PDB file of N, CA and C in Angstrom:
ATOM      1  N   UNK A   1      20.013  -4.235 -11.817  1.00  0.00           N
ATOM      2  CA  UNK A   1      20.092  -3.645 -10.493  1.00  0.00           C
ATOM      3  C   UNK A   1      19.285  -4.534  -9.543  1.00  0.00           C
ATOM      4  N   UNK A   2      19.927  -5.192  -8.567  1.00  0.00           N
ATOM      5  CA  UNK A   2      19.196  -6.071  -7.642  1.00  0.00           C
ATOM      6  C   UNK A   2      18.247  -5.287  -6.731  1.00  0.00           C
ATOM      7  N   UNK A   3      17.118  -5.915  -6.431  1.00  0.00           N
ATOM      8  CA  UNK A   3      16.112  -5.306  -5.560  1.00  0.00           C
ATOM      9  C   UNK A   3      16.023  -6.125  -4.277  1.00  0.00           C
ATOM     10  N   UNK A   4      16.118  -5.453  -3.142  1.00  0.00           N
ATOM     11  CA  UNK A   4      15.965  -6.105  -1.845  1.00  0.00           C
ATOM     12  C   UNK A   4      14.572  -5.785  -1.308  1.00  0.00           C
ATOM     13  N   UNK A   5      13.852  -6.817  -0.904  1.00  0.00           N
ATOM     14  CA  UNK A   5      12.508  -6.657  -0.358  1.00  0.00           C
ATOM     15  C   UNK A   5      12.524  -7.095   1.100  1.00  0.00           C
ATOM     16  N   UNK A   6      11.980  -6.240   1.967  1.00  0.00           N
ATOM     17  CA  UNK A   6      11.865  -6.587   3.383  1.00  0.00           C
ATOM     18  C   UNK A   6      10.402  -6.528   3.796  1.00  0.00           C
ATOM     19  N   UNK A   7       9.980  -7.540   4.531  1.00  0.00           N
ATOM     20  CA  UNK A   7       8.622  -7.594   5.068  1.00  0.00           C
ATOM     21  C   UNK A   7       8.613  -8.521   6.269  1.00  0.00           C
ATOM     22  N   UNK A   8       7.703  -8.278   7.181  1.00  0.00           N
ATOM     23  CA  UNK A   8       7.538  -9.214   8.301  1.00  0.00           C
ATOM     24  C   UNK A   8       6.370 -10.168   8.036  1.00  0.00           C
ATOM     25  N   UNK A   9       5.772 -10.066   6.855  1.00  0.00           N
ATOM     26  CA  UNK A   9       4.636 -10.914   6.454  1.00  0.00           C
ATOM     27  C   UNK A   9       3.473 -10.846   7.432  1.00  0.00           C
ATOM     28  N   UNK A  10       3.361  -9.732   8.135  1.00  0.00           N
ATOM     29  CA  UNK A  10       2.285  -9.536   9.111  1.00  0.00           C
ATOM     30  C   UNK A  10       1.039  -9.022   8.387  1.00  0.00           C
ATOM     31  N   UNK A  11      -0.076  -9.762   8.436  1.00  0.00           N
ATOM     32  CA  UNK A  11      -1.302  -9.272   7.793  1.00  0.00           C
ATOM     33  C   UNK A  11      -1.809  -7.994   8.467  1.00  0.00           C
ATOM     34  N   UNK A  12      -2.217  -7.044   7.670  1.00  0.00           N
ATOM     35  CA  UNK A  12      -2.774  -5.786   8.167  1.00  0.00           C
ATOM     36  C   UNK A  12      -4.225  -5.715   7.750  1.00  0.00           C
ATOM     37  N   UNK A  13      -5.085  -5.494   8.725  1.00  0.00           N
ATOM     38  CA  UNK A  13      -6.519  -5.431   8.461  1.00  0.00           C
ATOM     39  C   UNK A  13      -6.864  -4.133   7.737  1.00  0.00           C
ATOM     40  N   UNK A  14      -7.806  -4.231   6.832  1.00  0.00           N
ATOM     41  CA  UNK A  14      -8.246  -3.034   6.118  1.00  0.00           C
ATOM     42  C   UNK A  14      -9.040  -2.136   7.072  1.00  0.00           C
ATOM     43  N   UNK A  15      -8.970  -0.854   6.785  1.00  0.00           N
ATOM     44  CA  UNK A  15      -9.687   0.156   7.555  1.00  0.00           C
ATOM     45  C   UNK A  15     -10.663   0.865   6.632  1.00  0.00           C
ATOM     46  N   UNK A  16     -11.768   1.285   7.176  1.00  0.00           N
ATOM     47  CA  UNK A  16     -12.710   2.082   6.393  1.00  0.00           C
ATOM     48  C   UNK A  16     -12.351   3.559   6.553  1.00  0.00           C
ATOM     49  N   UNK A  17     -12.959   4.368   5.740  1.00  0.00           N
ATOM     50  CA  UNK A  17     -12.773   5.813   5.789  1.00  0.00           C
ATOM     51  C   UNK A  17     -13.062   6.357   7.191  1.00  0.00           C
ATOM     52  N   UNK A  18     -14.049   5.796   7.848  1.00  0.00           N
ATOM     53  CA  UNK A  18     -14.485   6.299   9.147  1.00  0.00           C
ATOM     54  C   UNK A  18     -13.532   5.919  10.278  1.00  0.00           C
ATOM     55  N   UNK A  19     -12.625   4.988  10.033  1.00  0.00           N
ATOM     56  CA  UNK A  19     -11.655   4.588  11.046  1.00  0.00           C
ATOM     57  C   UNK A  19     -10.375   5.425  10.996  1.00  0.00           C
ATOM     58  N   UNK A  20     -10.273   6.313  10.028  1.00  0.00           N
ATOM     59  CA  UNK A  20      -9.104   7.181   9.913  1.00  0.00           C
ATOM     60  C   UNK A  20      -9.289   8.437  10.751  1.00  0.00           C
ATOM     61  N   UNK A  21      -8.185   8.978  11.231  1.00  0.00           N
ATOM     62  CA  UNK A  21      -8.247  10.248  11.967  1.00  0.00           C
ATOM     63  C   UNK A  21      -8.458  11.392  10.970  1.00  0.00           C
ATOM     64  N   UNK A  22      -8.793  12.557  11.482  1.00  0.00           N
ATOM     65  CA  UNK A  22      -8.993  13.730  10.619  1.00  0.00           C
ATOM     66  C   UNK A  22      -7.728  14.055   9.837  1.00  0.00           C
ATOM     67  N   UNK A  23      -6.565  13.957  10.478  1.00  0.00           N
ATOM     68  CA  UNK A  23      -5.313  14.274   9.781  1.00  0.00           C
ATOM     69  C   UNK A  23      -5.006  13.217   8.712  1.00  0.00           C
ATOM     70  N   UNK A  24      -5.361  11.955   8.962  1.00  0.00           N
ATOM     71  CA  UNK A  24      -5.159  10.924   7.945  1.00  0.00           C
ATOM     72  C   UNK A  24      -6.107  11.138   6.769  1.00  0.00           C
ATOM     73  N   UNK A  25      -7.325  11.535   7.042  1.00  0.00           N
ATOM     74  CA  UNK A  25      -8.284  11.807   5.961  1.00  0.00           C
ATOM     75  C   UNK A  25      -7.840  12.984   5.103  1.00  0.00           C
ATOM     76  N   UNK A  26      -7.186  13.957   5.727  1.00  0.00           N
ATOM     77  CA  UNK A  26      -6.743  15.142   4.989  1.00  0.00           C
ATOM     78  C   UNK A  26      -5.778  14.777   3.865  1.00  0.00           C
ATOM     79  N   UNK A  27      -5.053  13.684   4.012  1.00  0.00           N
ATOM     80  CA  UNK A  27      -4.124  13.245   2.961  1.00  0.00           C
ATOM     81  C   UNK A  27      -4.846  12.728   1.727  1.00  0.00           C
ATOM     82  N   UNK A  28      -6.125  12.478   1.854  1.00  0.00           N
ATOM     83  CA  UNK A  28      -6.909  11.930   0.742  1.00  0.00           C
ATOM     84  C   UNK A  28      -7.966  12.913   0.252  1.00  0.00           C
ATOM     85  N   UNK A  29      -7.694  14.194   0.369  1.00  0.00           N
ATOM     86  CA  UNK A  29      -8.654  15.197  -0.108  1.00  0.00           C
ATOM     87  C   UNK A  29      -8.782  15.194  -1.630  1.00  0.00           C
ATOM     88  N   UNK A  30      -7.894  14.510  -2.309  1.00  0.00           N
ATOM     89  CA  UNK A  30      -7.957  14.403  -3.767  1.00  0.00           C
ATOM     90  C   UNK A  30      -8.977  13.359  -4.226  1.00  0.00           C
ATOM     91  N   UNK A  31      -9.428  12.496  -3.312  1.00  0.00           N
ATOM     92  CA  UNK A  31     -10.401  11.466  -3.669  1.00  0.00           C
ATOM     93  C   UNK A  31     -11.820  12.022  -3.557  1.00  0.00           C
ATOM     94  N   UNK A  32     -12.695  11.542  -4.424  1.00  0.00           N
ATOM     95  CA  UNK A  32     -14.097  11.935  -4.324  1.00  0.00           C
ATOM     96  C   UNK A  32     -14.706  11.279  -3.087  1.00  0.00           C
ATOM     97  N   UNK A  33     -15.836  11.796  -2.647  1.00  0.00           N
ATOM     98  CA  UNK A  33     -16.522  11.219  -1.484  1.00  0.00           C
ATOM     99  C   UNK A  33     -16.855   9.749  -1.719  1.00  0.00           C
ATOM    100  N   UNK A  34     -17.324   9.435  -2.906  1.00  0.00           N
ATOM    101  CA  UNK A  34     -17.676   8.047  -3.223  1.00  0.00           C
ATOM    102  C   UNK A  34     -16.443   7.151  -3.191  1.00  0.00           C
ATOM    103  N   UNK A  35     -15.321   7.634  -3.749  1.00  0.00           N
ATOM    104  CA  UNK A  35     -14.093   6.838  -3.741  1.00  0.00           C
ATOM    105  C   UNK A  35     -13.603   6.593  -2.319  1.00  0.00           C
ATOM    106  N   UNK A  36     -13.711   7.598  -1.461  1.00  0.00           N
ATOM    107  CA  UNK A  36     -13.288   7.447  -0.062  1.00  0.00           C
ATOM    108  C   UNK A  36     -14.100   6.378   0.646  1.00  0.00           C
ATOM    109  N   UNK A  37     -15.379   6.352   0.383  1.00  0.00           N
ATOM    110  CA  UNK A  37     -16.250   5.391   1.044  1.00  0.00           C
ATOM    111  C   UNK A  37     -16.040   3.968   0.526  1.00  0.00           C
ATOM    112  N   UNK A  38     -15.588   3.833  -0.718  1.00  0.00           N
ATOM    113  CA  UNK A  38     -15.398   2.519  -1.320  1.00  0.00           C
ATOM    114  C   UNK A  38     -13.974   1.988  -1.178  1.00  0.00           C
ATOM    115  N   UNK A  39     -13.031   2.833  -0.812  1.00  0.00           N
ATOM    116  CA  UNK A  39     -11.627   2.430  -0.727  1.00  0.00           C
ATOM    117  C   UNK A  39     -11.344   1.690   0.576  1.00  0.00           C
ATOM    118  N   UNK A  40     -10.277   0.916   0.553  1.00  0.00           N
ATOM    119  CA  UNK A  40      -9.745   0.297   1.760  1.00  0.00           C
ATOM    120  C   UNK A  40      -8.434   0.991   2.096  1.00  0.00           C
ATOM    121  N   UNK A  41      -8.186   1.158   3.378  1.00  0.00           N
ATOM    122  CA  UNK A  41      -6.981   1.835   3.846  1.00  0.00           C
ATOM    123  C   UNK A  41      -6.214   0.904   4.773  1.00  0.00           C
ATOM    124  N   UNK A  42      -4.896   1.134   4.864  1.00  0.00           N
ATOM    125  CA  UNK A  42      -4.033   0.278   5.672  1.00  0.00           C
ATOM    126  C   UNK A  42      -2.980   1.133   6.357  1.00  0.00           C
ATOM    127  N   UNK A  43      -2.680   0.818   7.601  1.00  0.00           N
ATOM    128  CA  UNK A  43      -1.603   1.485   8.318  1.00  0.00           C
ATOM    129  C   UNK A  43      -0.362   0.610   8.224  1.00  0.00           C
ATOM    130  N   UNK A  44       0.747   1.251   7.833  1.00  0.00           N
ATOM    131  CA  UNK A  44       2.016   0.537   7.700  1.00  0.00           C
ATOM    132  C   UNK A  44       3.170   1.502   7.927  1.00  0.00           C
ATOM    133  N   UNK A  45       4.059   1.150   8.821  1.00  0.00           N
ATOM    134  CA  UNK A  45       5.284   1.917   9.086  1.00  0.00           C
ATOM    135  C   UNK A  45       4.985   3.393   9.367  1.00  0.00           C
ATOM    136  N   UNK A  46       3.971   3.643  10.164  1.00  0.00           N
ATOM    137  CA  UNK A  46       3.656   5.004  10.568  1.00  0.00           C
ATOM    138  C   UNK A  46       2.912   5.841   9.546  1.00  0.00           C
ATOM    139  N   UNK A  47       2.433   5.217   8.490  1.00  0.00           N
ATOM    140  CA  UNK A  47       1.706   5.955   7.449  1.00  0.00           C
ATOM    141  C   UNK A  47       0.425   5.194   7.097  1.00  0.00           C
ATOM    142  N   UNK A  48      -0.483   5.887   6.431  1.00  0.00           N
ATOM    143  CA  UNK A  48      -1.729   5.276   5.948  1.00  0.00           C
ATOM    144  C   UNK A  48      -1.665   5.218   4.433  1.00  0.00           C
ATOM    145  N   UNK A  49      -2.053   4.083   3.897  1.00  0.00           N
ATOM    146  CA  UNK A  49      -2.078   3.882   2.455  1.00  0.00           C
ATOM    147  C   UNK A  49      -3.469   3.423   2.049  1.00  0.00           C
ATOM    148  N   UNK A  50      -3.853   3.798   0.839  1.00  0.00           N
ATOM    149  CA  UNK A  50      -5.102   3.327   0.246  1.00  0.00           C
ATOM    150  C   UNK A  50      -4.751   2.356  -0.864  1.00  0.00           C
ATOM    151  N   UNK A  51      -5.629   1.416  -1.134  1.00  0.00           N
ATOM    152  CA  UNK A  51      -5.368   0.521  -2.255  1.00  0.00           C
ATOM    153  C   UNK A  51      -5.273   1.302  -3.568  1.00  0.00           C
ATOM    154  N   UNK A  52      -5.870   2.488  -3.615  1.00  0.00           N
ATOM    155  CA  UNK A  52      -5.809   3.325  -4.816  1.00  0.00           C
ATOM    156  C   UNK A  52      -4.441   3.970  -5.019  1.00  0.00           C
ATOM    157  N   UNK A  53      -3.578   3.942  -4.007  1.00  0.00           N
ATOM    158  CA  UNK A  53      -2.249   4.552  -4.112  1.00  0.00           C
ATOM    159  C   UNK A  53      -1.288   3.735  -4.971  1.00  0.00           C
ATOM    160  N   UNK A  54      -1.565   2.460  -5.156  1.00  0.00           N
ATOM    161  CA  UNK A  54      -0.599   1.529  -5.725  1.00  0.00           C
ATOM    162  C   UNK A  54      -0.806   1.290  -7.216  1.00  0.00           C
ATOM    163  N   UNK A  55       0.331   1.117  -7.905  1.00  0.00           N
ATOM    164  CA  UNK A  55       0.348   0.727  -9.316  1.00  0.00           C
ATOM    165  C   UNK A  55       0.450  -0.794  -9.358  1.00  0.00           C
ATOM    166  N   UNK A  56      -0.059  -1.425 -10.406  1.00  0.00           N
ATOM    167  CA  UNK A  56       0.019  -2.878 -10.519  1.00  0.00           C
ATOM    168  C   UNK A  56       1.462  -3.328 -10.718  1.00  0.00           C
ATOM    169  N   UNK A  57       1.815  -4.438 -10.085  1.00  0.00           N
ATOM    170  CA  UNK A  57       3.189  -4.942 -10.136  1.00  0.00           C
ATOM    171  C   UNK A  57       3.293  -6.247 -10.922  1.00  0.00           C
ATOM    172  N   UNK A  58       2.256  -6.642 -11.608  1.00  0.00           N
ATOM    173  CA  UNK A  58       2.207  -7.956 -12.253  1.00  0.00           C
ATOM    174  C   UNK A  58       3.281  -8.158 -13.318  1.00  0.00           C
ATOM    175  N   UNK A  59       3.706  -7.123 -13.998  1.00  0.00           N
ATOM    176  CA  UNK A  59       4.665  -7.272 -15.089  1.00  0.00           C
ATOM    177  C   UNK A  59       6.093  -6.923 -14.689  1.00  0.00           C
ATOM    178  N   UNK A  60       6.356  -6.747 -13.400  1.00  0.00           N
ATOM    179  CA  UNK A  60       7.695  -6.401 -12.934  1.00  0.00           C
ATOM    180  C   UNK A  60       8.316  -7.645 -12.296  1.00  0.00           C
ATOM    181  N   UNK A  61       9.298  -8.254 -12.959  1.00  0.00           N
ATOM    182  CA  UNK A  61       9.862  -9.512 -12.462  1.00  0.00           C
ATOM    183  C   UNK A  61      10.393  -9.428 -11.025  1.00  0.00           C
ATOM    184  N   UNK A  62      10.982  -8.313 -10.627  1.00  0.00           N
ATOM    185  CA  UNK A  62      11.518  -8.175  -9.271  1.00  0.00           C
ATOM    186  C   UNK A  62      10.434  -8.184  -8.201  1.00  0.00           C
ATOM    187  N   UNK A  63       9.192  -7.927  -8.581  1.00  0.00           N
ATOM    188  CA  UNK A  63       8.086  -7.867  -7.622  1.00  0.00           C
ATOM    189  C   UNK A  63       7.174  -9.090  -7.717  1.00  0.00           C
ATOM    190  N   UNK A  64       7.713 -10.205  -8.163  1.00  0.00           N
ATOM    191  CA  UNK A  64       6.921 -11.423  -8.284  1.00  0.00           C
ATOM    192  C   UNK A  64       6.301 -11.788  -6.934  1.00  0.00           C
ATOM    193  N   UNK A  65       5.014 -12.094  -6.937  1.00  0.00           N
ATOM    194  CA  UNK A  65       4.297 -12.431  -5.717  1.00  0.00           C
ATOM    195  C   UNK A  65       3.644 -11.231  -5.049  1.00  0.00           C
ATOM    196  N   UNK A  66       3.920 -10.032  -5.535  1.00  0.00           N
ATOM    197  CA  UNK A  66       3.314  -8.808  -4.994  1.00  0.00           C
ATOM    198  C   UNK A  66       2.304  -8.279  -6.002  1.00  0.00           C
ATOM    199  N   UNK A  67       1.265  -7.617  -5.511  1.00  0.00           N
ATOM    200  CA  UNK A  67       0.214  -7.113  -6.399  1.00  0.00           C
ATOM    201  C   UNK A  67       0.385  -5.661  -6.796  1.00  0.00           C
ATOM    202  N   UNK A  68       1.029  -4.857  -5.948  1.00  0.00           N
ATOM    203  CA  UNK A  68       1.183  -3.450  -6.269  1.00  0.00           C
ATOM    204  C   UNK A  68       2.403  -2.842  -5.628  1.00  0.00           C
ATOM    205  N   UNK A  69       2.796  -1.682  -6.158  1.00  0.00           N
ATOM    206  CA  UNK A  69       3.929  -0.946  -5.618  1.00  0.00           C
ATOM    207  C   UNK A  69       3.637   0.550  -5.633  1.00  0.00           C
ATOM    208  N   UNK A  70       4.308   1.259  -4.758  1.00  0.00           N
ATOM    209  CA  UNK A  70       4.208   2.712  -4.672  1.00  0.00           C
ATOM    210  C   UNK A  70       5.612   3.249  -4.451  1.00  0.00           C
ATOM    211  N   UNK A  71       6.117   4.025  -5.389  1.00  0.00           N
ATOM    212  CA  UNK A  71       7.470   4.570  -5.274  1.00  0.00           C
ATOM    213  C   UNK A  71       7.538   5.641  -4.194  1.00  0.00           C
ATOM    214  N   UNK A  72       8.598   5.570  -3.357  1.00  0.00           N
ATOM    215  CA  UNK A  72       8.960   6.673  -2.456  1.00  0.00           C
ATOM    216  C   UNK A  72       9.995   7.540  -3.150  1.00  0.00           C
ATOM    217  N   UNK A  73      10.968   6.875  -3.745  1.00  0.00           N
ATOM    218  CA  UNK A  73      12.027   7.519  -4.519  1.00  0.00           C
ATOM    219  C   UNK A  73      12.203   6.695  -5.787  1.00  0.00           C
ATOM    220  N   UNK A  74      13.182   7.061  -6.590  1.00  0.00           N
ATOM    221  CA  UNK A  74      13.478   6.302  -7.802  1.00  0.00           C
ATOM    222  C   UNK A  74      13.927   4.887  -7.465  1.00  0.00           C
ATOM    223  N   UNK A  75      14.543   4.705  -6.295  1.00  0.00           N
ATOM    224  CA  UNK A  75      15.133   3.425  -5.919  1.00  0.00           C
ATOM    225  C   UNK A  75      14.414   2.683  -4.790  1.00  0.00           C
ATOM    226  N   UNK A  76      13.318   3.220  -4.269  1.00  0.00           N
ATOM    227  CA  UNK A  76      12.675   2.571  -3.122  1.00  0.00           C
ATOM    228  C   UNK A  76      11.175   2.829  -3.121  1.00  0.00           C
ATOM    229  N   UNK A  77      10.478   2.011  -2.325  1.00  0.00           N
ATOM    230  CA  UNK A  77       9.046   2.198  -2.224  1.00  0.00           C
ATOM    231  C   UNK A  77       8.397   1.141  -1.354  1.00  0.00           C
ATOM    232  N   UNK A  78       7.078   1.061  -1.451  1.00  0.00           N
ATOM    233  CA  UNK A  78       6.255   0.166  -0.642  1.00  0.00           C
ATOM    234  C   UNK A  78       5.575  -0.831  -1.579  1.00  0.00           C
ATOM    235  N   UNK A  79       5.479  -2.068  -1.119  1.00  0.00           N
ATOM    236  CA  UNK A  79       4.798  -3.129  -1.862  1.00  0.00           C
ATOM    237  C   UNK A  79       3.557  -3.574  -1.103  1.00  0.00           C
ATOM    238  N   UNK A  80       2.584  -4.100  -1.840  1.00  0.00           N
ATOM    239  CA  UNK A  80       1.363  -4.598  -1.215  1.00  0.00           C
ATOM    240  C   UNK A  80       0.969  -5.917  -1.870  1.00  0.00           C
ATOM    241  N   UNK A  81       0.529  -6.857  -1.032  1.00  0.00           N
ATOM    242  CA  UNK A  81       0.033  -8.148  -1.501  1.00  0.00           C
ATOM    243  C   UNK A  81      -1.315  -8.389  -0.822  1.00  0.00           C
ATOM    244  N   UNK A  82      -2.336  -8.579  -1.621  1.00  0.00           N
ATOM    245  CA  UNK A  82      -3.682  -8.813  -1.087  1.00  0.00           C
ATOM    246  C   UNK A  82      -3.819 -10.287  -0.741  1.00  0.00           C
ATOM    247  N   UNK A  83      -3.943 -10.590   0.559  1.00  0.00           N
ATOM    248  CA  UNK A  83      -4.069 -11.969   1.009  1.00  0.00           C
ATOM    249  C   UNK A  83      -5.506 -12.459   0.978  1.00  0.00           C
ATOM    250  N   UNK A  84      -6.421 -11.632   1.402  1.00  0.00           N
ATOM    251  CA  UNK A  84      -7.837 -11.963   1.347  1.00  0.00           C
ATOM    252  C   UNK A  84      -8.614 -10.655   1.279  1.00  0.00           C
ATOM    253  N   UNK A  85      -9.888 -10.743   1.421  1.00  0.00           N
ATOM    254  CA  UNK A  85     -10.740  -9.558   1.250  1.00  0.00           C
ATOM    255  C   UNK A  85     -10.467  -8.469   2.282  1.00  0.00           C
ATOM    256  N   UNK A  86     -10.071  -8.860   3.493  1.00  0.00           N
ATOM    257  CA  UNK A  86      -9.937  -7.881   4.569  1.00  0.00           C
ATOM    258  C   UNK A  86      -8.512  -7.587   5.019  1.00  0.00           C
ATOM    259  N   UNK A  87      -7.503  -8.212   4.414  1.00  0.00           N
ATOM    260  CA  UNK A  87      -6.147  -7.961   4.885  1.00  0.00           C
ATOM    261  C   UNK A  87      -5.136  -7.982   3.746  1.00  0.00           C
ATOM    262  N   UNK A  88      -4.012  -7.339   4.019  1.00  0.00           N
ATOM    263  CA  UNK A  88      -2.903  -7.280   3.074  1.00  0.00           C
ATOM    264  C   UNK A  88      -1.605  -7.526   3.836  1.00  0.00           C
ATOM    265  N   UNK A  89      -0.572  -7.871   3.095  1.00  0.00           N
ATOM    266  CA  UNK A  89       0.790  -7.885   3.615  1.00  0.00           C
ATOM    267  C   UNK A  89       1.523  -6.775   2.876  1.00  0.00           C
ATOM    268  N   UNK A  90       2.300  -6.001   3.621  1.00  0.00           N
ATOM    269  CA  UNK A  90       3.034  -4.899   3.014  1.00  0.00           C
ATOM    270  C   UNK A  90       4.521  -5.076   3.275  1.00  0.00           C
ATOM    271  N   UNK A  91       5.317  -4.474   2.420  1.00  0.00           N
ATOM    272  CA  UNK A  91       6.764  -4.540   2.563  1.00  0.00           C
ATOM    273  C   UNK A  91       7.408  -3.334   1.915  1.00  0.00           C
ATOM    274  N   UNK A  92       8.729  -3.287   2.028  1.00  0.00           N
ATOM    275  CA  UNK A  92       9.494  -2.203   1.406  1.00  0.00           C
ATOM    276  C   UNK A  92      10.476  -2.807   0.413  1.00  0.00           C
ATOM    277  N   UNK A  93      10.760  -2.073  -0.640  1.00  0.00           N
ATOM    278  CA  UNK A  93      11.789  -2.510  -1.577  1.00  0.00           C
ATOM    279  C   UNK A  93      12.832  -1.416  -1.760  1.00  0.00           C
ATOM    280  N   UNK A  94      14.051  -1.867  -1.989  1.00  0.00           N
ATOM    281  CA  UNK A  94      15.192  -0.973  -2.199  1.00  0.00           C
ATOM    282  C   UNK A  94      16.018  -1.541  -3.347  1.00  0.00           C
ATOM    283  N   UNK A  95      16.318  -0.733  -4.320  1.00  0.00           N
ATOM    284  CA  UNK A  95      17.208  -1.135  -5.403  1.00  0.00           C
ATOM    285  C   UNK A  95      18.615  -0.647  -5.070  1.00  0.00           C
ATOM    286  N   UNK A  96      19.578  -1.533  -5.226  1.00  0.00           N
ATOM    287  CA  UNK A  96      20.955  -1.128  -4.896  1.00  0.00           C
ATOM    288  C   UNK A  96      21.839  -1.155  -6.128  1.00  0.00           C
TER     289      UNK A  96
END
């Protein structure tokens, strides 16, 4: 099943817990206080993601060059590539 990946390769700066709005923080009520303070967050396509949301993509041939993935559905999701300590590139994948 071929996978299509779309990205604009735009680096997104990491955000700290304190830079999130109250409603964005509410989505992470499952994280401990310590995890929230140590995590990095990113805004992409109208949503906020944490580096803790993603599964490793190293062993998935279709995701070569990407570090993690997060499924939206069985056939689609979000990809993340860590470029440096403070930024990531994100994209979407669709299996057809």
